[in-house]
Amino acid sequence: RQRATQTIHRSIVSYPEMKTPTRDLVLSHLRQEKVQLWLPPYHQREGDVDGTKSDALRNLAQLLAEQLSSSSKAPLKVDDVYSILSQLQSHALQKLKKYCVDIKILATQQHFANLSSDDDVFASWGDTVATIKNGNTKKSLIVLRVENISSTLTVDKLASELCCELNATTARVIFKGKHISSSSSGGEGNNLRKIVSSNDGKDEQKKNELLCIVSGHGYVPPAPAAAAAAAAASSSVEGSATDTTARTDKEIIDSIRSSASRIAYNQSGFEITDQNGNLVPMSQTDSISLLTALGLHRIGRSKMEKCRESNNDEGDKRNSLASALVFLLEADAEWQGSSTLDIWKTKVDNYGLLQLDIAWNYLLLGSLENLTDATRRLEIAETVLRKQVHSNFVTLALVNAESNNPIPPLCTIFVRLFLLQGVANKMRNCNDTAAERLTWARVLCQQLRASCPPDRVEILCGAYC
């Protein structure tokens, strides 16, 4: 904490507009007294009284003007000192902005019942950690604002302390729509301070936000390194017995990547063709990315299907959904990481279907904080899926449905798209768009029930829904 404070002070000293005798006096005094202008009472968090900041800073300016006048050739004016303090504060806050983050914790009421009322529970995460009131009476979401996030806070530490405090088994951390973990980021990338400060230029105006999905009940402390090594050695000796044990998400993801590599490098050959049977030229690296993306997507959808069919309690269902989201986001990352796959995003329906599943998962989790991302993904899905059919396909299908004429079973996927868009727009208070999309979904769905063979619709539902 002290090192971070010293770093901020040095950055202030180097500010080009602050090299005057008066500023030097003020800076020297602030360093000596360890005054931190970016913290209360000089700077209040959002929601506090605006006047408090001005009064505290004005009082400090008056005090400094009186104390420092003896060290100056001429008496210092309070307004001049106040102006300097305001500049210093603005510059410090600008520096600190990229190290501030809102941590949104999505969990059940049973989890939050274990949360201590002590405000210092997560104090080690940053200079200040405050709970932001969100007005959610069900308490399924708590938002913590961390200012000047600690340089020692890692993904593993954050997840472990959350699980410990909420008596949970897992906590998955998502940043900018991507699941982050010690295994995926590795090394220095596991440091949350570096992760949240890696904002690119176009996102500078947006707040850094982390989504933590907490699931399972019963905290299990991490095993010591020696015990973990012994367990690994024991499991390797058991041989085939390990096949029956539950594997972690990371192990499954690694297994899918390994299998994709074996298939791509298989001497028997591996080729990809388009819908017309034409060979698609693709390097082995891109083939691995495609196979991995398809495999991860399939696992994610399977987990969502099991959750829908399960009679387990809400906690277990949330755990399955959170695990499914990890696989879906990993699949999305594979599509993003390959230049060849980037070209094929709009040429095949797989990428559009993936966006539908991610948006659907957000809604099932009740993750309203990701509503904007869900809406964006639904727009991408519509663009991709419309390019797979004739430009007039949807229009003609709607006209035929309203006229009670038969429509093709392929309309099933658009029923799902319009339904999700309707729900998402309704939650965003875009009522006109929501009504339009929900009407489209209803009209197509009714006609599908009436005019399409049930077996064909069920096949498409299994493939797309």
Protein backbone atom coordinates (compact mmCIF):
# COMPACT_ATOMS: atom_id res chain seq x y z
CA ARG A 1 0.00 0.00 0.00
CA GLN A 2 2.83 2.39 0.94
CA ARG A 3 4.71 1.56 -2.26
CA ALA A 4 1.62 2.32 -4.34
CA THR A 5 1.19 5.66 -2.55
CA GLN A 6 4.82 6.61 -3.22
CA THR A 7 4.39 5.76 -6.89
CA ILE A 8 1.40 8.07 -7.17
CA HIS A 9 3.27 10.91 -5.48
CA ARG A 10 6.20 10.53 -7.90
CA SER A 11 3.85 10.64 -10.86
CA ILE A 12 2.35 13.86 -9.51
CA VAL A 13 5.79 15.45 -9.15
CA SER A 14 6.56 14.75 -12.81
CA TYR A 15 3.38 16.49 -13.97
CA PRO A 16 4.70 19.20 -16.37
CA GLU A 17 2.41 22.02 -15.21
CA MET A 18 3.33 21.72 -11.54
CA LYS A 19 6.92 22.96 -11.40
CA THR A 20 6.61 26.31 -9.61
CA PRO A 21 7.92 27.28 -6.15
CA THR A 22 4.43 27.33 -4.67
CA ARG A 23 3.58 23.93 -6.09
CA ASP A 24 6.88 22.54 -4.84
CA LEU A 25 6.08 23.75 -1.34
CA VAL A 26 2.62 22.20 -1.44
CA LEU A 27 3.93 18.89 -2.81
CA SER A 28 6.68 18.72 -0.22
CA HIS A 29 4.19 19.26 2.58
CA LEU A 30 1.75 16.66 1.19
CA ARG A 31 4.53 14.07 1.02
CA GLN A 32 5.79 14.87 4.49
CA GLU A 33 2.34 14.65 6.07
CA LYS A 34 1.29 11.73 3.82
CA VAL A 35 -1.86 13.53 2.71
CA GLN A 36 -3.77 11.52 0.10
CA LEU A 37 -6.02 13.79 -1.93
CA TRP A 38 -7.68 10.89 -3.72
CA LEU A 39 -9.18 9.52 -0.49
CA PRO A 40 -11.84 10.84 1.92
CA PRO A 41 -12.39 13.44 3.19
CA TYR A 42 -10.84 15.24 0.20
CA HIS A 43 -12.46 12.98 -2.39
CA GLN A 44 -15.73 11.18 -1.74
CA ARG A 45 -16.99 8.10 -3.50
CA GLU A 46 -19.96 8.36 -5.84
CA GLY A 47 -23.19 8.95 -4.01
CA ASP A 48 -21.70 11.08 -1.22
CA VAL A 49 -22.46 14.75 -0.71
CA ASP A 50 -20.65 16.88 -3.30
CA GLY A 51 -20.13 19.77 -0.93
CA THR A 52 -18.01 17.68 1.44
CA LYS A 53 -15.19 17.48 -1.07
CA SER A 54 -15.03 21.24 -1.65
CA ASP A 55 -15.20 22.06 2.07
CA ALA A 56 -12.44 19.62 3.03
CA LEU A 57 -10.17 20.71 0.19
CA ARG A 58 -10.87 24.40 0.91
CA ASN A 59 -10.05 23.90 4.60
CA LEU A 60 -6.82 22.13 3.67
CA ALA A 61 -5.90 24.98 1.31
CA GLN A 62 -6.45 27.55 4.05
CA LEU A 63 -4.36 25.55 6.52
CA LEU A 64 -1.50 25.11 4.03
CA ALA A 65 -1.57 28.78 3.08
CA GLU A 66 -1.08 29.73 6.72
CA GLN A 67 1.60 27.12 7.46
CA LEU A 68 3.61 27.57 4.26
CA SER A 69 3.58 31.35 4.10
CA SER A 70 6.56 31.42 6.47
CA SER A 71 8.57 29.34 3.98
CA SER A 72 7.60 31.52 1.04
CA LYS A 73 8.93 34.90 -0.02
CA ALA A 74 5.39 36.27 -0.01
CA PRO A 75 2.18 35.23 1.75
CA LEU A 76 0.36 32.48 -0.11
CA LYS A 77 -3.18 33.07 -1.32
CA VAL A 78 -5.76 30.50 -0.30
CA ASP A 79 -7.26 30.48 -3.80
CA ASP A 80 -3.87 29.71 -5.35
CA VAL A 81 -3.24 26.83 -2.96
CA TYR A 82 -6.76 25.53 -3.53
CA SER A 83 -6.20 25.61 -7.30
CA ILE A 84 -2.95 23.65 -6.92
CA LEU A 85 -4.62 21.06 -4.69
CA SER A 86 -7.45 20.66 -7.19
CA GLN A 87 -4.97 20.07 -10.03
CA LEU A 88 -3.02 17.57 -7.95
CA GLN A 89 -6.19 15.76 -6.99
CA SER A 90 -7.47 15.59 -10.58
CA HIS A 91 -4.17 14.23 -11.83
CA ALA A 92 -3.99 11.63 -9.05
CA LEU A 93 -7.56 10.49 -9.70
CA GLN A 94 -6.82 10.19 -13.41
CA LYS A 95 -3.83 7.99 -12.62
CA LEU A 96 -5.83 5.89 -10.19
CA LYS A 97 -8.84 5.43 -12.46
CA LYS A 98 -7.36 2.52 -14.34
CA TYR A 99 -6.63 0.77 -11.05
CA CYS A 100 -10.23 0.97 -9.82
CA VAL A 101 -12.71 -1.82 -10.45
CA ASP A 102 -16.31 -2.71 -9.68
CA ILE A 103 -16.51 -6.36 -8.62
CA LYS A 104 -20.01 -7.72 -9.23
CA ILE A 105 -20.68 -10.84 -7.19
CA LEU A 106 -23.51 -13.02 -8.45
CA ALA A 107 -24.62 -15.58 -5.86
CA THR A 108 -27.64 -16.94 -4.00
CA GLN A 109 -29.27 -15.59 -0.85
CA GLN A 110 -27.86 -18.57 1.01
CA HIS A 111 -24.35 -17.50 0.01
CA PHE A 112 -24.86 -13.88 1.05
CA ALA A 113 -26.30 -15.01 4.39
CA ASN A 114 -22.74 -16.04 5.31
CA LEU A 115 -21.33 -12.60 4.48
CA SER A 116 -20.01 -10.77 7.51
CA SER A 117 -21.24 -7.26 8.22
CA ASP A 118 -17.62 -6.23 8.81
CA ASP A 119 -16.57 -3.74 6.13
CA ASP A 120 -12.94 -4.91 6.39
CA VAL A 121 -13.57 -8.45 5.13
CA PHE A 122 -12.03 -7.70 1.73
CA ALA A 123 -9.93 -4.71 2.84
CA SER A 124 -6.72 -6.26 1.50
CA TRP A 125 -8.03 -5.99 -2.07
CA GLY A 126 -7.30 -2.26 -2.36
CA ASP A 127 -7.04 1.12 -0.65
CA THR A 128 -10.79 1.25 -0.16
CA VAL A 129 -13.41 -1.46 -0.66
CA ALA A 130 -17.01 -0.28 -0.43
CA THR A 131 -20.36 -1.94 -1.07
CA ILE A 132 -22.51 -0.14 -3.63
CA LYS A 133 -26.22 -0.26 -2.90
CA ASN A 134 -28.12 -1.63 -5.89
CA GLY A 135 -31.66 -1.79 -4.51
CA ASN A 136 -31.94 -5.53 -5.21
CA THR A 137 -34.20 -6.87 -2.46
CA LYS A 138 -33.49 -10.47 -3.42
CA LYS A 139 -29.80 -9.94 -2.78
CA SER A 140 -28.68 -12.03 -5.74
CA LEU A 141 -26.06 -9.44 -6.63
CA ILE A 142 -23.63 -7.37 -4.58
CA VAL A 143 -21.26 -4.85 -6.13
CA LEU A 144 -17.97 -3.97 -4.44
CA ARG A 145 -16.02 -0.94 -5.59
CA VAL A 146 -12.28 -1.38 -5.11
CA GLU A 147 -10.14 1.74 -5.45
CA ASN A 148 -6.43 1.39 -6.20
CA ILE A 149 -6.57 -2.39 -6.41
CA SER A 150 -3.74 -4.12 -4.58
CA SER A 151 -0.71 -5.17 -6.61
CA THR A 152 -0.74 -8.52 -4.77
CA LEU A 153 -4.35 -9.43 -5.58
CA THR A 154 -4.52 -12.38 -7.98
CA VAL A 155 -7.37 -14.25 -9.62
CA ASP A 156 -6.81 -17.23 -7.32
CA LYS A 157 -6.75 -15.09 -4.18
CA LEU A 158 -9.93 -13.25 -5.16
CA ALA A 159 -11.79 -16.50 -5.91
CA SER A 160 -10.50 -18.24 -2.78
CA GLU A 161 -11.43 -15.39 -0.42
CA LEU A 162 -14.88 -15.08 -1.99
CA CYS A 163 -15.51 -18.81 -1.57
CA CYS A 164 -14.26 -18.72 2.01
CA GLU A 165 -16.42 -15.75 3.01
CA LEU A 166 -19.57 -16.99 1.21
CA ASN A 167 -19.01 -20.68 2.08
CA ALA A 168 -18.99 -21.61 -1.61
CA THR A 169 -17.10 -24.20 -3.63
CA THR A 170 -16.27 -22.21 -6.77
CA ALA A 171 -16.02 -18.60 -7.91
CA ARG A 172 -15.52 -17.93 -11.60
CA VAL A 173 -14.07 -14.56 -12.60
CA ILE A 174 -15.11 -12.95 -15.90
CA PHE A 175 -13.61 -9.77 -17.37
CA LYS A 176 -14.78 -8.19 -20.63
CA GLY A 177 -16.81 -11.29 -21.48
CA LYS A 178 -13.86 -13.65 -20.98
CA HIS A 179 -13.28 -16.16 -18.21
CA ILE A 180 -9.95 -15.52 -16.51
CA SER A 181 -8.10 -17.94 -14.30
CA SER A 182 -4.58 -18.70 -13.16
CA SER A 183 -4.35 -21.36 -15.85
CA SER A 184 -5.64 -19.18 -18.71
CA SER A 185 -3.67 -16.05 -17.79
CA GLY A 186 -0.67 -17.63 -16.10
CA GLY A 187 2.33 -15.91 -14.60
CA GLU A 188 2.04 -12.15 -14.38
CA GLY A 189 -1.28 -12.33 -16.22
CA ASN A 190 -2.78 -13.75 -13.02
CA ASN A 191 -2.35 -10.34 -11.35
CA LEU A 192 -5.72 -8.55 -11.28
CA ARG A 193 -4.16 -5.09 -11.09
CA LYS A 194 -2.47 -5.70 -14.44
CA ILE A 195 -5.57 -7.30 -15.91
CA VAL A 196 -7.94 -4.41 -15.10
CA SER A 197 -5.39 -1.77 -16.13
CA SER A 198 -4.98 -3.31 -19.59
CA ASN A 199 -7.94 -1.32 -20.97
CA ASP A 200 -7.44 -0.25 -24.56
CA GLY A 201 -7.98 3.35 -25.59
CA LYS A 202 -11.56 2.99 -26.80
CA ASP A 203 -12.70 1.72 -23.39
CA GLU A 204 -11.08 4.43 -21.27
CA GLN A 205 -14.41 6.07 -20.47
CA LYS A 206 -15.91 2.84 -19.19
CA LYS A 207 -15.54 1.58 -15.66
CA ASN A 208 -13.52 -1.56 -15.11
CA GLU A 209 -15.89 -4.35 -14.13
CA LEU A 210 -15.30 -7.90 -12.95
CA LEU A 211 -18.13 -10.43 -12.78
CA CYS A 212 -17.72 -13.16 -10.15
CA ILE A 213 -20.19 -16.06 -10.39
CA VAL A 214 -20.27 -17.91 -7.08
CA SER A 215 -21.71 -21.44 -6.94
CA GLY A 216 -21.80 -24.55 -4.78
CA HIS A 217 -22.00 -24.75 -1.00
CA GLY A 218 -19.28 -25.77 1.43
CA TYR A 219 -15.88 -24.07 1.29
CA VAL A 220 -12.92 -26.39 0.74
CA PRO A 221 -9.54 -24.75 1.50
CA PRO A 222 -6.91 -25.11 -1.25
CA ALA A 223 -4.68 -28.11 -0.66
CA PRO A 224 -1.04 -27.33 0.23
CA ALA A 225 1.44 -27.85 -2.59
CA ALA A 226 2.88 -31.02 -1.02
CA ALA A 227 -0.56 -32.55 -0.51
CA ALA A 228 -1.58 -31.66 -4.05
CA ALA A 229 1.56 -33.28 -5.44
CA ALA A 230 0.93 -36.43 -3.39
CA ALA A 231 -2.66 -36.56 -4.60
CA ALA A 232 -1.53 -36.19 -8.20
CA ALA A 233 1.00 -38.99 -7.78
CA SER A 234 -1.59 -41.21 -6.15
CA SER A 235 -4.11 -40.62 -8.92
CA SER A 236 -1.57 -41.41 -11.62
CA VAL A 237 -0.86 -44.77 -9.98
CA GLU A 238 -4.53 -45.66 -9.88
CA GLY A 239 -4.65 -45.62 -13.68
CA SER A 240 -8.07 -46.11 -15.17
CA ALA A 241 -9.79 -45.42 -11.86
CA THR A 242 -9.33 -41.68 -12.48
CA ASP A 243 -11.61 -41.87 -15.50
CA THR A 244 -14.61 -42.21 -13.21
CA THR A 245 -13.79 -39.18 -11.05
CA ALA A 246 -15.21 -35.77 -11.79
CA ARG A 247 -12.83 -33.61 -13.78
CA THR A 248 -12.43 -29.89 -13.34
CA ASP A 249 -13.36 -27.42 -16.07
CA LYS A 250 -9.68 -26.79 -16.72
CA GLU A 251 -8.95 -30.49 -17.18
CA ILE A 252 -11.82 -30.86 -19.63
CA ILE A 253 -10.74 -27.78 -21.60
CA ASP A 254 -7.14 -29.05 -21.76
CA SER A 255 -8.42 -32.45 -22.88
CA ILE A 256 -10.45 -30.89 -25.71
CA ARG A 257 -7.45 -28.88 -26.91
CA SER A 258 -5.26 -31.98 -26.77
CA SER A 259 -7.81 -34.02 -28.73
CA ALA A 260 -8.14 -31.27 -31.34
CA SER A 261 -4.36 -31.28 -31.82
CA ARG A 262 -4.27 -35.05 -32.27
CA ILE A 263 -7.03 -34.91 -34.88
CA ALA A 264 -5.45 -32.00 -36.78
CA TYR A 265 -2.02 -33.67 -36.89
CA ASN A 266 -3.36 -37.14 -37.62
CA GLN A 267 -1.54 -38.66 -40.59
CA SER A 268 -4.80 -39.95 -42.02
CA GLY A 269 -5.67 -36.33 -42.84
CA PHE A 270 -8.29 -33.90 -41.69
CA GLU A 271 -10.23 -31.72 -44.10
CA ILE A 272 -12.98 -29.13 -43.69
CA THR A 273 -15.60 -28.45 -46.35
CA ASP A 274 -18.29 -25.81 -46.65
CA GLN A 275 -22.04 -26.42 -47.08
CA ASN A 276 -21.52 -27.07 -50.80
CA GLY A 277 -18.79 -29.66 -50.23
CA ASN A 278 -15.96 -27.38 -51.34
CA LEU A 279 -12.66 -27.84 -49.53
CA VAL A 280 -11.81 -25.01 -47.14
CA PRO A 281 -8.06 -24.28 -47.01
CA MET A 282 -7.04 -24.04 -43.37
CA SER A 283 -3.71 -24.37 -41.60
CA GLN A 284 -3.24 -26.98 -38.89
CA THR A 285 -3.16 -24.25 -36.24
CA ASP A 286 -6.48 -22.85 -37.44
CA SER A 287 -7.92 -26.36 -37.67
CA ILE A 288 -7.02 -26.90 -34.02
CA SER A 289 -8.71 -23.62 -33.08
CA LEU A 290 -11.87 -24.56 -34.98
CA LEU A 291 -12.07 -28.06 -33.50
CA THR A 292 -11.41 -26.68 -30.03
CA ALA A 293 -14.09 -24.00 -30.43
CA LEU A 294 -16.66 -26.54 -31.61
CA GLY A 295 -15.79 -28.96 -28.81
CA LEU A 296 -15.95 -26.30 -26.09
CA HIS A 297 -19.25 -25.04 -27.47
CA ARG A 298 -20.69 -28.56 -27.46
CA ILE A 299 -19.66 -29.13 -23.83
CA GLY A 300 -21.10 -25.78 -22.78
CA ARG A 301 -24.44 -26.53 -24.43
CA SER A 302 -24.54 -30.00 -22.90
CA LYS A 303 -24.12 -28.50 -19.44
CA MET A 304 -26.96 -26.07 -20.11
CA GLU A 305 -29.21 -28.90 -21.33
CA LYS A 306 -28.47 -30.97 -18.22
CA CYS A 307 -29.30 -27.96 -16.08
CA ARG A 308 -32.66 -27.58 -17.83
CA GLU A 309 -33.51 -31.25 -17.35
CA SER A 310 -32.19 -31.47 -13.79
CA ASN A 311 -34.36 -31.48 -10.68
CA ASN A 312 -31.52 -30.23 -8.48
CA ASP A 313 -31.79 -27.16 -6.28
CA GLU A 314 -31.09 -23.65 -7.53
CA GLY A 315 -27.53 -23.72 -6.21
CA ASP A 316 -26.60 -26.79 -8.27
CA LYS A 317 -28.29 -25.35 -11.36
CA ARG A 318 -26.40 -22.08 -10.97
CA ASN A 319 -23.18 -24.07 -10.64
CA SER A 320 -23.91 -25.90 -13.91
CA LEU A 321 -24.79 -22.66 -15.69
CA ALA A 322 -21.65 -20.94 -14.44
CA SER A 323 -19.55 -23.88 -15.59
CA ALA A 324 -21.31 -23.83 -18.98
CA LEU A 325 -20.54 -20.12 -19.35
CA VAL A 326 -16.83 -20.85 -18.85
CA PHE A 327 -16.83 -23.27 -21.80
CA LEU A 328 -18.89 -20.95 -24.00
CA LEU A 329 -16.58 -17.99 -23.35
CA GLU A 330 -13.52 -20.17 -23.98
CA ALA A 331 -15.06 -21.20 -27.31
CA ASP A 332 -15.66 -17.55 -28.14
CA ALA A 333 -12.01 -16.81 -27.35
CA GLU A 334 -10.92 -19.49 -29.84
CA TRP A 335 -12.97 -17.81 -32.58
CA GLN A 336 -11.45 -14.45 -31.69
CA GLY A 337 -7.87 -15.73 -31.60
CA SER A 338 -7.64 -17.02 -35.18
CA SER A 339 -7.48 -14.73 -38.21
CA THR A 340 -8.86 -17.50 -40.44
CA LEU A 341 -11.79 -18.18 -38.12
CA ASP A 342 -12.47 -14.46 -37.99
CA ILE A 343 -13.13 -14.57 -41.74
CA TRP A 344 -15.45 -17.56 -41.33
CA LYS A 345 -17.57 -16.04 -38.56
CA THR A 346 -20.23 -14.91 -41.04
CA LYS A 347 -19.83 -17.81 -43.47
CA VAL A 348 -21.05 -20.55 -41.12
CA ASP A 349 -23.78 -20.54 -38.51
CA ASN A 350 -21.61 -21.94 -35.67
CA TYR A 351 -20.40 -18.56 -34.47
CA GLY A 352 -23.91 -17.10 -34.48
CA LEU A 353 -25.26 -20.06 -32.51
CA LEU A 354 -22.48 -19.61 -29.96
CA GLN A 355 -23.51 -15.99 -29.41
CA LEU A 356 -27.12 -17.14 -28.88
CA ASP A 357 -26.02 -19.63 -26.23
CA ILE A 358 -23.90 -17.07 -24.36
CA ALA A 359 -26.77 -14.56 -24.33
CA TRP A 360 -29.19 -17.28 -23.18
CA ASN A 361 -26.79 -18.27 -20.40
CA TYR A 362 -26.57 -14.67 -19.18
CA LEU A 363 -30.36 -14.49 -18.96
CA LEU A 364 -30.64 -17.83 -17.16
CA LEU A 365 -28.10 -16.65 -14.61
CA GLY A 366 -30.07 -13.45 -14.14
CA SER A 367 -26.90 -11.53 -14.91
CA LEU A 368 -28.45 -8.14 -15.65
CA GLU A 369 -25.01 -6.56 -15.46
CA ASN A 370 -24.15 -8.39 -18.69
CA LEU A 371 -27.35 -7.31 -20.44
CA THR A 372 -25.44 -4.95 -22.74
CA ASP A 373 -23.05 -7.72 -23.74
CA ALA A 374 -25.98 -10.10 -24.27
CA THR A 375 -27.70 -7.58 -26.55
CA ARG A 376 -24.49 -7.09 -28.53
CA ARG A 377 -24.08 -10.83 -28.98
CA LEU A 378 -27.68 -11.20 -30.14
CA GLU A 379 -27.07 -8.54 -32.80
CA ILE A 380 -24.01 -10.49 -33.98
CA ALA A 381 -26.05 -13.70 -34.01
CA GLU A 382 -28.74 -12.10 -36.17
CA THR A 383 -26.15 -10.82 -38.66
CA VAL A 384 -24.51 -14.24 -38.92
CA LEU A 385 -27.73 -16.27 -39.15
CA ARG A 386 -29.37 -14.01 -41.75
CA LYS A 387 -26.32 -14.47 -43.99
CA GLN A 388 -26.87 -18.24 -43.98
CA VAL A 389 -30.27 -17.88 -45.71
CA HIS A 390 -31.78 -15.88 -48.57
CA SER A 391 -32.02 -12.16 -47.89
CA ASN A 392 -35.84 -12.40 -47.98
CA PHE A 393 -36.08 -15.61 -45.96
CA VAL A 394 -37.28 -14.06 -42.68
CA THR A 395 -39.65 -11.61 -44.38
CA LEU A 396 -41.28 -14.34 -46.48
CA ALA A 397 -41.50 -16.65 -43.47
CA LEU A 398 -43.33 -13.99 -41.45
CA VAL A 399 -45.72 -13.22 -44.33
CA ASN A 400 -46.48 -16.92 -44.86
CA ALA A 401 -46.93 -17.51 -41.13
CA GLU A 402 -49.39 -14.63 -40.80
CA SER A 403 -51.28 -16.03 -43.82
CA ASN A 404 -51.35 -19.53 -42.30
CA ASN A 405 -49.16 -20.87 -45.09
CA PRO A 406 -46.47 -23.52 -44.40
CA ILE A 407 -43.02 -22.30 -43.35
CA PRO A 408 -39.76 -24.30 -43.34
CA PRO A 409 -38.49 -25.91 -40.10
CA LEU A 410 -35.36 -23.73 -40.38
CA CYS A 411 -37.47 -20.93 -38.91
CA THR A 412 -36.96 -22.63 -35.53
CA ILE A 413 -33.62 -20.91 -35.00
CA PHE A 414 -35.13 -17.50 -35.74
CA VAL A 415 -37.89 -18.16 -33.20
CA ARG A 416 -35.20 -18.54 -30.58
CA LEU A 417 -33.31 -15.46 -31.80
CA PHE A 418 -36.39 -13.21 -31.78
CA LEU A 419 -37.52 -14.55 -28.40
CA LEU A 420 -34.17 -13.75 -26.78
CA GLN A 421 -34.05 -10.34 -28.45
CA GLY A 422 -37.55 -9.61 -27.21
CA VAL A 423 -36.68 -10.50 -23.62
CA ALA A 424 -33.39 -8.57 -23.70
CA ASN A 425 -35.01 -5.44 -25.16
CA LYS A 426 -37.85 -5.63 -22.64
CA MET A 427 -35.32 -5.65 -19.82
CA ARG A 428 -33.65 -2.60 -21.40
CA ASN A 429 -37.03 -0.81 -21.53
CA CYS A 430 -36.97 -0.82 -25.36
CA ASN A 431 -40.63 -1.76 -25.36
CA ASP A 432 -41.40 -1.17 -29.06
CA THR A 433 -38.53 -3.34 -30.26
CA ALA A 434 -39.33 -5.96 -27.62
CA ALA A 435 -42.98 -6.15 -28.72
CA GLU A 436 -41.97 -6.46 -32.37
CA ARG A 437 -39.49 -9.30 -31.79
CA LEU A 438 -41.76 -11.20 -29.41
CA THR A 439 -44.58 -10.94 -31.96
CA TRP A 440 -42.32 -12.34 -34.67
CA ALA A 441 -41.32 -15.22 -32.40
CA ARG A 442 -44.96 -15.97 -31.53
CA VAL A 443 -46.17 -15.90 -35.15
CA LEU A 444 -43.39 -18.19 -36.38
CA CYS A 445 -43.73 -20.55 -33.43
CA GLN A 446 -47.49 -20.95 -33.88
CA GLN A 447 -47.13 -21.74 -37.57
CA LEU A 448 -44.26 -24.16 -36.96
CA ARG A 449 -46.48 -26.11 -34.57
CA ALA A 450 -49.26 -26.22 -37.15
CA SER A 451 -47.45 -26.85 -40.43
CA CYS A 452 -44.13 -28.60 -39.79
CA PRO A 453 -43.56 -32.30 -39.10
CA PRO A 454 -42.82 -32.59 -35.36
CA ASP A 455 -39.79 -34.81 -35.94
CA ARG A 456 -38.11 -32.22 -38.18
CA VAL A 457 -38.75 -29.44 -35.69
CA GLU A 458 -37.39 -31.61 -32.86
CA ILE A 459 -34.24 -32.34 -34.86
CA LEU A 460 -33.68 -28.62 -35.40
CA CYS A 461 -34.45 -27.89 -31.76
CA GLY A 462 -31.79 -30.39 -30.78
CA ALA A 463 -29.31 -28.77 -33.14
CA TYR A 464 -30.08 -25.13 -32.50
CA CYS A 465 -31.94 -24.71 -29.21
